[in-house]
């Protein structure tokens, strides 16, 4: 058990962790960044703004309304320094309140203080807090950190998995998705317009037979990234249908010109029987629920092994439409 104590630490004594891989390059460019810049550098700015403003504004207003933070930051005391392991944005907000003369005591901040933590233990804390903890990073930021641990610190997969849970395949897919997105998608995007929500498309690219299908039909990951950038693949879950679309000459041509939705519609499929076509949405929903519940393990394994199967394609198509309907229903509430 590593000793840790709770203290109210002077904010002026805390140093931002310049070795944090998610902020290091940014701090090298901007040695004295604003709280908003730190927040964006850490990747949290990938969340879309809601009616109440950005997530950063919500965090700042929450701290101001509560007259302080609820969850202590985490710092590492070493060589006479206090280095912020977790909570860089909150430290920066406290400093901004002091600089702006905001009423309240912003000179000290609640902190869990460790002493002489090794880099391995710092990594473990970050993983536990942000990969499986209450303040989870977005999927892109998680992948970015896992990629750093694997390729820069050369952490073995087994150790990373012990820290963050999940399976080896999931970790591998996340790391490779980050690498593909950085190499092929980033060059296509103007500075400041890098869309983190596109990451899930690159995760789907790692699924069995998807990347193989892209290569098998003479395309590259660079072209896949262009499809993502041009919104040819939308919603991103339809990446799973690339093997079937690319294998069908007609669907492939439609996809390249008009996108995935139109391409999927051209795939050969049996016509609905008249009786089924006349069923109500409620009847169809109940029938679908019963059909899903009756799927046995052998059929499930067969479908997993055949992502281009008609049942898999139709299921994902139905799921996309149902999710769209759900969103419309909730929006009206």
C-alpha atoms as a PDB file:
ATOM      1  CA  UNK A   1       0.000   0.000   0.000  1.00  0.00           C
ATOM      2  CA  UNK A   2       1.547   3.322  -1.093  1.00  0.00           C
ATOM      3  CA  UNK A   3       1.226   5.989   1.636  1.00  0.00           C
ATOM      4  CA  UNK A   4      -1.006   8.902   0.729  1.00  0.00           C
ATOM      5  CA  UNK A   5      -2.206  11.841   2.823  1.00  0.00           C
ATOM      6  CA  UNK A   6      -4.966  14.386   2.327  1.00  0.00           C
ATOM      7  CA  UNK A   7      -3.810  18.007   2.427  1.00  0.00           C
ATOM      8  CA  UNK A   8      -4.926  21.460   1.398  1.00  0.00           C
ATOM      9  CA  UNK A   9      -2.018  22.303  -0.883  1.00  0.00           C
ATOM     10  CA  UNK A  10      -0.951  25.837  -1.894  1.00  0.00           C
ATOM     11  CA  UNK A  11      -1.942  26.197  -5.538  1.00  0.00           C
ATOM     12  CA  UNK A  12       1.114  28.329  -6.265  1.00  0.00           C
ATOM     13  CA  UNK A  13       3.380  25.408  -5.291  1.00  0.00           C
ATOM     14  CA  UNK A  14       1.839  22.924  -7.743  1.00  0.00           C
ATOM     15  CA  UNK A  15       3.549  22.264 -11.057  1.00  0.00           C
ATOM     16  CA  UNK A  16       1.714  20.928 -14.074  1.00  0.00           C
ATOM     17  CA  UNK A  17       2.955  17.500 -15.070  1.00  0.00           C
ATOM     18  CA  UNK A  18       4.977  18.284 -18.188  1.00  0.00           C
ATOM     19  CA  UNK A  19       5.650  14.570 -18.679  1.00  0.00           C
ATOM     20  CA  UNK A  20       1.968  13.829 -19.136  1.00  0.00           C
ATOM     21  CA  UNK A  21       1.853  12.546 -22.725  1.00  0.00           C
ATOM     22  CA  UNK A  22      -1.565  14.114 -23.296  1.00  0.00           C
ATOM     23  CA  UNK A  23      -0.339  17.642 -22.538  1.00  0.00           C
ATOM     24  CA  UNK A  24       3.453  17.598 -22.995  1.00  0.00           C
ATOM     25  CA  UNK A  25       3.599  18.746 -26.639  1.00  0.00           C
ATOM     26  CA  UNK A  26       1.080  21.497 -25.923  1.00  0.00           C
ATOM     27  CA  UNK A  27       3.040  22.800 -22.921  1.00  0.00           C
ATOM     28  CA  UNK A  28       6.184  22.914 -25.032  1.00  0.00           C
ATOM     29  CA  UNK A  29       4.402  25.294 -27.427  1.00  0.00           C
ATOM     30  CA  UNK A  30       2.624  27.307 -24.714  1.00  0.00           C
ATOM     31  CA  UNK A  31       4.688  27.439 -21.498  1.00  0.00           C
ATOM     32  CA  UNK A  32       1.981  29.458 -19.717  1.00  0.00           C
ATOM     33  CA  UNK A  33      -1.330  28.114 -21.080  1.00  0.00           C
ATOM     34  CA  UNK A  34      -4.767  29.302 -20.046  1.00  0.00           C
ATOM     35  CA  UNK A  35      -7.144  26.906 -18.229  1.00  0.00           C
ATOM     36  CA  UNK A  36      -9.194  26.578 -21.432  1.00  0.00           C
ATOM     37  CA  UNK A  37      -6.084  25.626 -23.421  1.00  0.00           C
ATOM     38  CA  UNK A  38      -5.098  23.001 -20.869  1.00  0.00           C
ATOM     39  CA  UNK A  39      -8.584  21.560 -20.959  1.00  0.00           C
ATOM     40  CA  UNK A  40      -8.480  21.299 -24.758  1.00  0.00           C
ATOM     41  CA  UNK A  41      -4.971  19.864 -24.721  1.00  0.00           C
ATOM     42  CA  UNK A  42      -6.088  17.086 -22.402  1.00  0.00           C
ATOM     43  CA  UNK A  43      -8.694  16.056 -24.952  1.00  0.00           C
ATOM     44  CA  UNK A  44     -11.779  16.860 -22.901  1.00  0.00           C
ATOM     45  CA  UNK A  45     -12.713  19.517 -25.419  1.00  0.00           C
ATOM     46  CA  UNK A  46     -13.749  16.763 -27.808  1.00  0.00           C
ATOM     47  CA  UNK A  47     -17.138  16.723 -26.130  1.00  0.00           C
ATOM     48  CA  UNK A  48     -19.771  18.748 -27.991  1.00  0.00           C
ATOM     49  CA  UNK A  49     -21.146  21.819 -26.291  1.00  0.00           C
ATOM     50  CA  UNK A  50     -24.694  21.588 -25.037  1.00  0.00           C
ATOM     51  CA  UNK A  51     -27.279  24.264 -24.440  1.00  0.00           C
ATOM     52  CA  UNK A  52     -25.538  25.229 -21.215  1.00  0.00           C
ATOM     53  CA  UNK A  53     -22.192  25.863 -22.931  1.00  0.00           C
ATOM     54  CA  UNK A  54     -19.004  23.834 -23.191  1.00  0.00           C
ATOM     55  CA  UNK A  55     -17.984  21.133 -20.728  1.00  0.00           C
ATOM     56  CA  UNK A  56     -15.130  23.397 -19.616  1.00  0.00           C
ATOM     57  CA  UNK A  57     -17.543  26.210 -18.770  1.00  0.00           C
ATOM     58  CA  UNK A  58     -19.698  23.744 -16.842  1.00  0.00           C
ATOM     59  CA  UNK A  59     -16.677  22.586 -14.827  1.00  0.00           C
ATOM     60  CA  UNK A  60     -15.611  26.149 -14.078  1.00  0.00           C
ATOM     61  CA  UNK A  61     -19.124  27.210 -13.057  1.00  0.00           C
ATOM     62  CA  UNK A  62     -19.545  24.085 -10.941  1.00  0.00           C
ATOM     63  CA  UNK A  63     -16.357  24.842  -9.002  1.00  0.00           C
ATOM     64  CA  UNK A  64     -17.416  28.441  -8.540  1.00  0.00           C
ATOM     65  CA  UNK A  65     -20.929  27.491  -7.385  1.00  0.00           C
ATOM     66  CA  UNK A  66     -19.594  24.889  -4.952  1.00  0.00           C
ATOM     67  CA  UNK A  67     -16.891  27.297  -3.724  1.00  0.00           C
ATOM     68  CA  UNK A  68     -14.293  24.629  -4.436  1.00  0.00           C
ATOM     69  CA  UNK A  69     -13.758  21.155  -5.838  1.00  0.00           C
ATOM     70  CA  UNK A  70     -15.493  18.074  -4.484  1.00  0.00           C
ATOM     71  CA  UNK A  71     -12.972  15.477  -5.679  1.00  0.00           C
ATOM     72  CA  UNK A  72      -9.376  16.146  -4.546  1.00  0.00           C
ATOM     73  CA  UNK A  73      -6.651  16.386  -7.140  1.00  0.00           C
ATOM     74  CA  UNK A  74      -3.704  13.982  -7.008  1.00  0.00           C
ATOM     75  CA  UNK A  75      -0.143  15.245  -6.630  1.00  0.00           C
ATOM     76  CA  UNK A  76       3.258  13.618  -6.321  1.00  0.00           C
ATOM     77  CA  UNK A  77       5.793  15.168  -3.916  1.00  0.00           C
ATOM     78  CA  UNK A  78       9.295  14.514  -5.219  1.00  0.00           C
ATOM     79  CA  UNK A  79      12.617  16.373  -5.136  1.00  0.00           C
ATOM     80  CA  UNK A  80      11.003  19.219  -3.249  1.00  0.00           C
ATOM     81  CA  UNK A  81       8.344  19.693  -5.935  1.00  0.00           C
ATOM     82  CA  UNK A  82       4.603  19.071  -6.016  1.00  0.00           C
ATOM     83  CA  UNK A  83       3.705  17.685  -9.453  1.00  0.00           C
ATOM     84  CA  UNK A  84       0.046  17.400 -10.470  1.00  0.00           C
ATOM     85  CA  UNK A  85      -0.669  13.819 -11.535  1.00  0.00           C
ATOM     86  CA  UNK A  86      -4.414  14.276 -11.972  1.00  0.00           C
ATOM     87  CA  UNK A  87      -6.329  17.554 -11.892  1.00  0.00           C
ATOM     88  CA  UNK A  88      -4.327  19.929 -14.129  1.00  0.00           C
ATOM     89  CA  UNK A  89      -7.446  21.738 -15.325  1.00  0.00           C
ATOM     90  CA  UNK A  90      -8.796  22.275 -11.817  1.00  0.00           C
ATOM     91  CA  UNK A  91      -5.448  23.688 -10.672  1.00  0.00           C
ATOM     92  CA  UNK A  92      -5.452  26.074 -13.639  1.00  0.00           C
ATOM     93  CA  UNK A  93      -9.019  27.178 -12.833  1.00  0.00           C
ATOM     94  CA  UNK A  94      -8.061  27.928  -9.223  1.00  0.00           C
ATOM     95  CA  UNK A  95      -5.142  30.039 -10.502  1.00  0.00           C
ATOM     96  CA  UNK A  96      -7.408  31.915 -12.912  1.00  0.00           C
ATOM     97  CA  UNK A  97      -9.867  32.704 -10.109  1.00  0.00           C
ATOM     98  CA  UNK A  98      -7.007  34.151  -8.055  1.00  0.00           C
ATOM     99  CA  UNK A  99      -5.697  36.196 -11.000  1.00  0.00           C
ATOM    100  CA  UNK A 100      -9.192  37.521 -11.746  1.00  0.00           C
ATOM    101  CA  UNK A 101      -9.891  38.413  -8.120  1.00  0.00           C
ATOM    102  CA  UNK A 102     -12.887  36.084  -7.861  1.00  0.00           C
ATOM    103  CA  UNK A 103     -14.316  36.079  -4.338  1.00  0.00           C
ATOM    104  CA  UNK A 104     -13.331  33.030  -2.312  1.00  0.00           C
ATOM    105  CA  UNK A 105     -10.266  31.140  -1.174  1.00  0.00           C
ATOM    106  CA  UNK A 106      -8.544  29.875  -4.312  1.00  0.00           C
ATOM    107  CA  UNK A 107      -5.001  29.843  -2.941  1.00  0.00           C
ATOM    108  CA  UNK A 108      -5.263  26.274  -1.593  1.00  0.00           C
ATOM    109  CA  UNK A 109      -6.747  23.170  -3.177  1.00  0.00           C
ATOM    110  CA  UNK A 110      -7.709  19.780  -1.672  1.00  0.00           C
ATOM    111  CA  UNK A 111      -5.243  17.101  -2.752  1.00  0.00           C
ATOM    112  CA  UNK A 112      -4.291  13.495  -2.184  1.00  0.00           C
ATOM    113  CA  UNK A 113      -0.515  13.727  -1.807  1.00  0.00           C
ATOM    114  CA  UNK A 114       1.808  10.846  -2.645  1.00  0.00           C
ATOM    115  CA  UNK A 115       5.559  10.920  -2.101  1.00  0.00           C
ATOM    116  CA  UNK A 116       8.193   9.842  -4.633  1.00  0.00           C
ATOM    117  CA  UNK A 117       5.854   7.899  -6.898  1.00  0.00           C
ATOM    118  CA  UNK A 118       7.584   6.014  -9.688  1.00  0.00           C
ATOM    119  CA  UNK A 119       6.496   6.573 -13.288  1.00  0.00           C
ATOM    120  CA  UNK A 120       4.860   3.132 -13.240  1.00  0.00           C
ATOM    121  CA  UNK A 121       2.717   4.128 -10.266  1.00  0.00           C
ATOM    122  CA  UNK A 122       1.831   7.465 -11.894  1.00  0.00           C
ATOM    123  CA  UNK A 123       0.709   5.564 -15.004  1.00  0.00           C
ATOM    124  CA  UNK A 124      -1.338   3.209 -12.838  1.00  0.00           C
ATOM    125  CA  UNK A 125      -3.119   6.099 -11.125  1.00  0.00           C
ATOM    126  CA  UNK A 126      -3.958   7.785 -14.424  1.00  0.00           C
ATOM    127  CA  UNK A 127      -5.290   4.539 -15.859  1.00  0.00           C
ATOM    128  CA  UNK A 128      -7.412   3.761 -12.818  1.00  0.00           C
ATOM    129  CA  UNK A 129      -8.874   7.273 -12.660  1.00  0.00           C
ATOM    130  CA  UNK A 130      -9.477   7.884 -16.352  1.00  0.00           C
ATOM    131  CA  UNK A 131      -9.943   4.493 -17.971  1.00  0.00           C
ATOM    132  CA  UNK A 132     -12.107   2.708 -15.427  1.00  0.00           C
ATOM    133  CA  UNK A 133     -12.728   5.400 -12.816  1.00  0.00           C
ATOM    134  CA  UNK A 134     -15.451   8.016 -12.337  1.00  0.00           C
ATOM    135  CA  UNK A 135     -13.834  10.618 -14.635  1.00  0.00           C
ATOM    136  CA  UNK A 136     -13.323   8.527 -17.710  1.00  0.00           C
ATOM    137  CA  UNK A 137     -11.535  10.011 -20.699  1.00  0.00           C
ATOM    138  CA  UNK A 138     -13.222   9.909 -24.080  1.00  0.00           C
ATOM    139  CA  UNK A 139     -12.252   6.842 -26.196  1.00  0.00           C
ATOM    140  CA  UNK A 140      -9.725   8.806 -28.288  1.00  0.00           C
ATOM    141  CA  UNK A 141      -7.891  10.111 -25.213  1.00  0.00           C
ATOM    142  CA  UNK A 142      -7.828   6.642 -23.669  1.00  0.00           C
ATOM    143  CA  UNK A 143      -6.338   5.239 -26.859  1.00  0.00           C
ATOM    144  CA  UNK A 144      -3.786   8.038 -27.033  1.00  0.00           C
ATOM    145  CA  UNK A 145      -2.555   7.249 -23.538  1.00  0.00           C
ATOM    146  CA  UNK A 146      -2.510   3.494 -24.137  1.00  0.00           C
ATOM    147  CA  UNK A 147      -0.537   4.094 -27.343  1.00  0.00           C
ATOM    148  CA  UNK A 148       2.000   6.142 -25.366  1.00  0.00           C
ATOM    149  CA  UNK A 149       2.368   3.451 -22.703  1.00  0.00           C
ATOM    150  CA  UNK A 150       2.831   0.738 -25.294  1.00  0.00           C
ATOM    151  CA  UNK A 151       5.052   2.466 -27.865  1.00  0.00           C
ATOM    152  CA  UNK A 152       6.990   4.984 -25.773  1.00  0.00           C
ATOM    153  CA  UNK A 153       7.235   3.415 -22.327  1.00  0.00           C
ATOM    154  CA  UNK A 154       7.148  -0.098 -23.862  1.00  0.00           C
ATOM    155  CA  UNK A 155       4.709  -1.366 -21.252  1.00  0.00           C
ATOM    156  CA  UNK A 156       3.677  -5.002 -21.907  1.00  0.00           C
ATOM    157  CA  UNK A 157       0.050  -5.605 -22.812  1.00  0.00           C
ATOM    158  CA  UNK A 158      -0.451  -7.733 -19.726  1.00  0.00           C
ATOM    159  CA  UNK A 159       0.544  -4.866 -17.426  1.00  0.00           C
ATOM    160  CA  UNK A 160      -1.672  -2.361 -19.236  1.00  0.00           C
ATOM    161  CA  UNK A 161      -4.612  -4.769 -19.065  1.00  0.00           C
ATOM    162  CA  UNK A 162      -4.018  -5.320 -15.343  1.00  0.00           C
ATOM    163  CA  UNK A 163      -4.268  -1.567 -14.830  1.00  0.00           C
ATOM    164  CA  UNK A 164      -7.305  -0.796 -16.955  1.00  0.00           C
ATOM    165  CA  UNK A 165      -9.214  -4.066 -17.325  1.00  0.00           C
ATOM    166  CA  UNK A 166     -10.683  -5.325 -20.594  1.00  0.00           C
ATOM    167  CA  UNK A 167      -9.085  -7.820 -22.944  1.00  0.00           C
ATOM    168  CA  UNK A 168      -5.856  -7.830 -24.908  1.00  0.00           C
ATOM    169  CA  UNK A 169      -7.722  -7.641 -28.208  1.00  0.00           C
ATOM    170  CA  UNK A 170      -9.650  -4.565 -27.100  1.00  0.00           C
ATOM    171  CA  UNK A 171      -6.447  -2.809 -26.025  1.00  0.00           C
ATOM    172  CA  UNK A 172      -4.690  -3.754 -29.264  1.00  0.00           C
ATOM    173  CA  UNK A 173      -7.590  -2.479 -31.375  1.00  0.00           C
ATOM    174  CA  UNK A 174      -7.697   0.805 -29.473  1.00  0.00           C
ATOM    175  CA  UNK A 175      -3.960   1.395 -29.853  1.00  0.00           C
ATOM    176  CA  UNK A 176      -3.970   0.521 -33.559  1.00  0.00           C
ATOM    177  CA  UNK A 177      -7.056   2.661 -34.176  1.00  0.00           C
ATOM    178  CA  UNK A 178      -5.266   5.643 -32.635  1.00  0.00           C
ATOM    179  CA  UNK A 179      -2.169   4.990 -34.750  1.00  0.00           C
ATOM    180  CA  UNK A 180      -4.227   4.725 -37.964  1.00  0.00           C
ATOM    181  CA  UNK A 181      -6.220   7.854 -37.192  1.00  0.00           C
ATOM    182  CA  UNK A 182      -3.137   9.929 -36.395  1.00  0.00           C
ATOM    183  CA  UNK A 183      -1.236   8.768 -39.473  1.00  0.00           C
ATOM    184  CA  UNK A 184      -4.000   8.921 -42.067  1.00  0.00           C
ATOM    185  CA  UNK A 185      -6.818  11.166 -40.811  1.00  0.00           C
ATOM    186  CA  UNK A 186      -4.914  14.024 -39.168  1.00  0.00           C
ATOM    187  CA  UNK A 187      -3.193  15.150 -42.422  1.00  0.00           C
ATOM    188  CA  UNK A 188      -6.645  15.575 -44.006  1.00  0.00           C
ATOM    189  CA  UNK A 189      -7.948  17.969 -41.363  1.00  0.00           C
ATOM    190  CA  UNK A 190      -7.250  21.668 -40.923  1.00  0.00           C
ATOM    191  CA  UNK A 191      -5.588  22.736 -37.688  1.00  0.00           C
ATOM    192  CA  UNK A 192      -8.157  23.071 -34.919  1.00  0.00           C
ATOM    193  CA  UNK A 193     -10.774  20.953 -36.711  1.00  0.00           C
ATOM    194  CA  UNK A 194      -9.595  17.491 -35.689  1.00  0.00           C
ATOM    195  CA  UNK A 195     -12.838  15.624 -34.969  1.00  0.00           C
ATOM    196  CA  UNK A 196     -12.300  13.185 -32.098  1.00  0.00           C
ATOM    197  CA  UNK A 197     -15.754  11.655 -32.660  1.00  0.00           C
ATOM    198  CA  UNK A 198     -14.416  10.090 -35.884  1.00  0.00           C
ATOM    199  CA  UNK A 199     -12.282   7.790 -33.734  1.00  0.00           C
ATOM    200  CA  UNK A 200     -14.965   5.114 -33.420  1.00  0.00           C
ATOM    201  CA  UNK A 201     -14.788   4.589 -37.183  1.00  0.00           C
ATOM    202  CA  UNK A 202     -11.121   3.669 -36.891  1.00  0.00           C
ATOM    203  CA  UNK A 203     -11.948   1.313 -34.028  1.00  0.00           C
ATOM    204  CA  UNK A 204     -14.468  -0.460 -36.262  1.00  0.00           C
ATOM    205  CA  UNK A 205     -11.780  -0.682 -38.950  1.00  0.00           C
ATOM    206  CA  UNK A 206      -9.816  -3.028 -36.668  1.00  0.00           C
ATOM    207  CA  UNK A 207     -12.651  -5.571 -36.471  1.00  0.00           C
ATOM    208  CA  UNK A 208     -12.155  -8.983 -38.116  1.00  0.00           C
ATOM    209  CA  UNK A 209     -12.388  -8.883 -41.914  1.00  0.00           C
ATOM    210  CA  UNK A 210     -12.993  -5.128 -42.182  1.00  0.00           C
ATOM    211  CA  UNK A 211      -9.425  -3.962 -42.716  1.00  0.00           C
ATOM    212  CA  UNK A 212      -8.759  -7.111 -44.747  1.00  0.00           C
ATOM    213  CA  UNK A 213     -11.678  -6.232 -47.020  1.00  0.00           C
ATOM    214  CA  UNK A 214     -10.327  -2.716 -47.588  1.00  0.00           C
ATOM    215  CA  UNK A 215      -6.970  -4.126 -48.707  1.00  0.00           C
ATOM    216  CA  UNK A 216      -8.477  -7.048 -50.634  1.00  0.00           C
ATOM    217  CA  UNK A 217     -10.432  -4.703 -52.900  1.00  0.00           C
ATOM    218  CA  UNK A 218      -7.425  -2.518 -53.689  1.00  0.00           C
ATOM    219  CA  UNK A 219      -7.982   0.332 -51.250  1.00  0.00           C
ATOM    220  CA  UNK A 220      -5.740   1.746 -48.533  1.00  0.00           C
ATOM    221  CA  UNK A 221      -6.162   3.030 -45.000  1.00  0.00           C
ATOM    222  CA  UNK A 222      -5.502   6.491 -46.401  1.00  0.00           C
ATOM    223  CA  UNK A 223      -8.541   6.120 -48.654  1.00  0.00           C
ATOM    224  CA  UNK A 224     -10.556   4.815 -45.708  1.00  0.00           C
ATOM    225  CA  UNK A 225      -9.572   7.938 -43.761  1.00  0.00           C
ATOM    226  CA  UNK A 226     -10.763  10.065 -46.677  1.00  0.00           C
ATOM    227  CA  UNK A 227     -14.117   8.247 -46.631  1.00  0.00           C
ATOM    228  CA  UNK A 228     -14.396   9.042 -42.925  1.00  0.00           C
ATOM    229  CA  UNK A 229     -13.444  12.676 -43.511  1.00  0.00           C
ATOM    230  CA  UNK A 230     -15.902  13.057 -46.406  1.00  0.00           C
ATOM    231  CA  UNK A 231     -18.685  11.409 -44.364  1.00  0.00           C
ATOM    232  CA  UNK A 232     -19.008   8.675 -46.952  1.00  0.00           C
ATOM    233  CA  UNK A 233     -19.277   6.373 -43.935  1.00  0.00           C
ATOM    234  CA  UNK A 234     -22.066   7.675 -41.750  1.00  0.00           C
ATOM    235  CA  UNK A 235     -23.115   6.595 -39.185  1.00  0.00           C
ATOM    236  CA  UNK A 236     -19.722   5.232 -38.208  1.00  0.00           C
ATOM    237  CA  UNK A 237     -21.178   1.890 -37.102  1.00  0.00           C
ATOM    238  CA  UNK A 238     -21.714   1.078 -40.790  1.00  0.00           C
ATOM    239  CA  UNK A 239     -17.965   0.541 -41.132  1.00  0.00           C
ATOM    240  CA  UNK A 240     -18.870  -3.044 -40.238  1.00  0.00           C
ATOM    241  CA  UNK A 241     -20.711  -3.323 -43.532  1.00  0.00           C
ATOM    242  CA  UNK A 242     -17.713  -2.405 -45.660  1.00  0.00           C
ATOM    243  CA  UNK A 243     -16.862  -6.059 -46.497  1.00  0.00           C
ATOM    244  CA  UNK A 244     -20.327  -6.635 -47.971  1.00  0.00           C
ATOM    245  CA  UNK A 245     -20.477  -3.272 -49.764  1.00  0.00           C
ATOM    246  CA  UNK A 246     -17.000  -3.533 -51.279  1.00  0.00           C
ATOM    247  CA  UNK A 247     -17.681  -7.098 -52.412  1.00  0.00           C
ATOM    248  CA  UNK A 248     -20.794  -6.051 -54.346  1.00  0.00           C
ATOM    249  CA  UNK A 249     -19.852  -4.132 -57.538  1.00  0.00           C
ATOM    250  CA  UNK A 250     -23.069  -2.130 -57.655  1.00  0.00           C
ATOM    251  CA  UNK A 251     -23.060  -1.299 -53.943  1.00  0.00           C
ATOM    252  CA  UNK A 252     -19.380  -0.356 -54.136  1.00  0.00           C
ATOM    253  CA  UNK A 253     -19.968   2.192 -56.905  1.00  0.00           C
ATOM    254  CA  UNK A 254     -22.929   3.673 -55.045  1.00  0.00           C
ATOM    255  CA  UNK A 255     -20.841   3.898 -51.879  1.00  0.00           C
ATOM    256  CA  UNK A 256     -17.978   5.733 -53.571  1.00  0.00           C
ATOM    257  CA  UNK A 257     -20.381   8.274 -55.082  1.00  0.00           C
ATOM    258  CA  UNK A 258     -23.197   8.610 -52.534  1.00  0.00           C
ATOM    259  CA  UNK A 259     -22.037   7.032 -49.285  1.00  0.00           C
ATOM    260  CA  UNK A 260     -22.736   4.033 -47.106  1.00  0.00           C
ATOM    261  CA  UNK A 261     -26.453   4.520 -46.458  1.00  0.00           C
ATOM    262  CA  UNK A 262     -27.288   4.466 -50.160  1.00  0.00           C
ATOM    263  CA  UNK A 263     -24.900   1.574 -50.754  1.00  0.00           C
ATOM    264  CA  UNK A 264     -26.451  -0.600 -48.075  1.00  0.00           C
ATOM    265  CA  UNK A 265     -29.876  -0.015 -49.597  1.00  0.00           C
ATOM    266  CA  UNK A 266     -28.685  -1.490 -52.916  1.00  0.00           C
ATOM    267  CA  UNK A 267     -27.450  -4.769 -51.448  1.00  0.00           C
ATOM    268  CA  UNK A 268     -29.500  -7.760 -52.468  1.00  0.00           C
ATOM    269  CA  UNK A 269     -32.069  -8.644 -49.858  1.00  0.00           C
ATOM    270  CA  UNK A 270     -35.338 -10.572 -49.879  1.00  0.00           C
ATOM    271  CA  UNK A 271     -38.532  -8.533 -50.131  1.00  0.00           C
ATOM    272  CA  UNK A 272     -40.686  -8.374 -47.047  1.00  0.00           C
ATOM    273  CA  UNK A 273     -43.665 -10.660 -47.204  1.00  0.00           C
ATOM    274  CA  UNK A 274     -46.962  -8.851 -47.582  1.00  0.00           C
ATOM    275  CA  UNK A 275     -48.143  -9.943 -44.141  1.00  0.00           C
ATOM    276  CA  UNK A 276     -44.916  -8.766 -42.478  1.00  0.00           C
ATOM    277  CA  UNK A 277     -45.026  -5.492 -44.392  1.00  0.00           C
ATOM    278  CA  UNK A 278     -48.467  -4.778 -43.000  1.00  0.00           C
ATOM    279  CA  UNK A 279     -47.465  -5.389 -39.382  1.00  0.00           C
ATOM    280  CA  UNK A 280     -47.401  -2.435 -36.990  1.00  0.00           C
ATOM    281  CA  UNK A 281     -44.169  -1.096 -35.528  1.00  0.00           C
ATOM    282  CA  UNK A 282     -45.180  -2.422 -32.111  1.00  0.00           C
ATOM    283  CA  UNK A 283     -45.754  -5.919 -33.544  1.00  0.00           C
ATOM    284  CA  UNK A 284     -42.449  -5.876 -35.384  1.00  0.00           C
ATOM    285  CA  UNK A 285     -40.611  -4.669 -32.257  1.00  0.00           C
ATOM    286  CA  UNK A 286     -42.085  -7.496 -30.163  1.00  0.00           C
ATOM    287  CA  UNK A 287     -41.246 -10.055 -32.852  1.00  0.00           C
ATOM    288  CA  UNK A 288     -37.679  -8.781 -33.079  1.00  0.00           C
ATOM    289  CA  UNK A 289     -37.296  -8.940 -29.305  1.00  0.00           C
ATOM    290  CA  UNK A 290     -38.444 -12.558 -29.249  1.00  0.00           C
ATOM    291  CA  UNK A 291     -36.162 -13.489 -32.172  1.00  0.00           C
ATOM    292  CA  UNK A 292     -33.123 -12.001 -30.426  1.00  0.00           C
ATOM    293  CA  UNK A 293     -33.915 -13.826 -27.204  1.00  0.00           C
ATOM    294  CA  UNK A 294     -34.058 -17.144 -29.064  1.00  0.00           C
ATOM    295  CA  UNK A 295     -30.585 -16.899 -30.628  1.00  0.00           C
ATOM    296  CA  UNK A 296     -28.469 -19.775 -29.340  1.00  0.00           C
ATOM    297  CA  UNK A 297     -24.714 -19.765 -28.737  1.00  0.00           C
ATOM    298  CA  UNK A 298     -23.803 -21.593 -31.946  1.00  0.00           C
ATOM    299  CA  UNK A 299     -25.718 -19.082 -34.085  1.00  0.00           C
ATOM    300  CA  UNK A 300     -24.158 -16.193 -32.189  1.00  0.00           C
ATOM    301  CA  UNK A 301     -20.692 -17.579 -32.869  1.00  0.00           C
ATOM    302  CA  UNK A 302     -21.518 -18.016 -36.549  1.00  0.00           C
ATOM    303  CA  UNK A 303     -22.675 -14.408 -36.839  1.00  0.00           C
ATOM    304  CA  UNK A 304     -19.554 -13.140 -35.042  1.00  0.00           C
ATOM    305  CA  UNK A 305     -17.386 -14.998 -37.551  1.00  0.00           C
ATOM    306  CA  UNK A 306     -19.323 -13.624 -40.553  1.00  0.00           C
ATOM    307  CA  UNK A 307     -19.743  -9.832 -40.232  1.00  0.00           C
ATOM    308  CA  UNK A 308     -20.870  -9.663 -43.884  1.00  0.00           C
ATOM    309  CA  UNK A 309     -23.769 -12.060 -43.246  1.00  0.00           C
ATOM    310  CA  UNK A 310     -27.212 -10.752 -44.255  1.00  0.00           C
ATOM    311  CA  UNK A 311     -28.471 -11.153 -40.678  1.00  0.00           C
ATOM    312  CA  UNK A 312     -25.608  -9.073 -39.298  1.00  0.00           C
ATOM    313  CA  UNK A 313     -26.049  -6.363 -41.922  1.00  0.00           C
ATOM    314  CA  UNK A 314     -29.798  -6.166 -41.423  1.00  0.00           C
ATOM    315  CA  UNK A 315     -29.416  -6.126 -37.642  1.00  0.00           C
ATOM    316  CA  UNK A 316     -27.033  -3.167 -37.702  1.00  0.00           C
ATOM    317  CA  UNK A 317     -29.238  -1.343 -40.171  1.00  0.00           C
ATOM    318  CA  UNK A 318     -32.276  -1.867 -37.950  1.00  0.00           C
ATOM    319  CA  UNK A 319     -30.277  -0.799 -34.904  1.00  0.00           C
ATOM    320  CA  UNK A 320     -29.226   2.457 -36.557  1.00  0.00           C
ATOM    321  CA  UNK A 321     -32.825   3.267 -37.496  1.00  0.00           C
ATOM    322  CA  UNK A 322     -34.131   2.380 -34.036  1.00  0.00           C
ATOM    323  CA  UNK A 323     -31.480   4.524 -32.356  1.00  0.00           C
ATOM    324  CA  UNK A 324     -32.484   7.407 -34.625  1.00  0.00           C
ATOM    325  CA  UNK A 325     -36.133   6.895 -33.682  1.00  0.00           C
ATOM    326  CA  UNK A 326     -35.230   6.764 -29.999  1.00  0.00           C
ATOM    327  CA  UNK A 327     -33.330  10.053 -30.279  1.00  0.00           C
ATOM    328  CA  UNK A 328     -36.330  11.675 -31.971  1.00  0.00           C
ATOM    329  CA  UNK A 329     -38.672  10.417 -29.265  1.00  0.00           C
ATOM    330  CA  UNK A 330     -36.401  11.649 -26.482  1.00  0.00           C
ATOM    331  CA  UNK A 331     -35.915  15.025 -28.175  1.00  0.00           C
ATOM    332  CA  UNK A 332     -39.632  15.613 -28.023  1.00  0.00           C
ATOM    333  CA  UNK A 333     -39.749  15.109 -24.262  1.00  0.00           C
END
